Amino acid sequence: MDTHLMIGIAVMMGLIGIAASRDLLRMRRAQLQPVSLRAQRIDGAVRDTRGDLR
């Protein structure tokens, strides 16, 4: 196989890999945003808004 063709294919595969990894990192960062919870103190126990004890 021609050396230039092999180098061209390797460069294209690398660019595709870089684009895919950037998209995956961007989606992962969007999912990791913190969420605020309100808590209430009832009878000495702390319950969150869903009613779970903490």
Protein backbone atom coordinates (compact mmCIF):
# COMPACT_ATOMS: atom_id res chain seq x y z
CA MET A 1 0.00 0.00 0.00
CA ASP A 2 1.18 3.54 -0.68
CA THR A 3 2.84 5.23 2.31
CA HIS A 4 1.06 8.54 1.70
CA LEU A 5 -2.31 6.80 1.67
CA MET A 6 -1.56 5.02 4.96
CA ILE A 7 -0.47 8.30 6.58
CA GLY A 8 -3.60 10.03 5.26
CA ILE A 9 -5.84 7.30 6.67
CA ALA A 10 -4.07 7.47 10.05
CA VAL A 11 -4.51 11.27 10.19
CA MET A 12 -8.21 10.99 9.32
CA MET A 13 -8.76 8.31 11.96
CA GLY A 14 -6.99 10.49 14.52
CA LEU A 15 -9.16 13.50 13.68
CA ILE A 16 -12.31 11.39 13.96
CA GLY A 17 -11.11 10.08 17.34
CA ILE A 18 -10.40 13.58 18.63
CA ALA A 19 -13.83 14.84 17.54
CA ALA A 20 -15.58 11.85 19.14
CA SER A 21 -13.71 12.20 22.44
CA ARG A 22 -14.50 15.94 22.61
CA ASP A 23 -18.20 15.20 22.14
CA LEU A 24 -18.13 12.50 24.81
CA LEU A 25 -16.36 14.79 27.29
CA ARG A 26 -18.82 17.60 26.58
CA MET A 27 -21.81 15.30 27.22
CA ARG A 28 -20.20 13.94 30.40
CA ARG A 29 -19.52 17.44 31.73
CA ALA A 30 -23.16 18.42 31.10
CA GLN A 31 -24.39 15.47 33.19
CA LEU A 32 -22.17 16.29 36.18
CA GLN A 33 -23.74 19.62 37.10
CA PRO A 34 -24.56 19.87 40.82
CA VAL A 35 -28.19 19.93 41.93
CA SER A 36 -29.30 21.81 45.02
CA LEU A 37 -31.55 20.09 47.56
CA ARG A 38 -33.59 21.83 50.21
CA ALA A 39 -33.53 20.19 53.64
CA GLN A 40 -35.84 20.52 56.62
CA ARG A 41 -35.15 19.68 60.27
CA ILE A 42 -38.04 17.63 61.70
CA ASP A 43 -37.88 16.07 65.20
CA GLY A 44 -34.10 16.25 65.35
CA ALA A 45 -33.67 14.34 62.05
CA VAL A 46 -32.80 16.00 58.78
CA ARG A 47 -35.05 15.07 55.89
CA ASP A 48 -34.60 16.18 52.31
CA THR A 49 -37.53 17.26 50.13
CA ARG A 50 -38.16 13.65 49.05
CA GLY A 51 -38.63 12.57 52.67
CA ASP A 52 -35.40 10.55 52.92
CA LEU A 53 -33.44 10.73 56.18
CA ARG A 54 -29.88 12.05 56.07
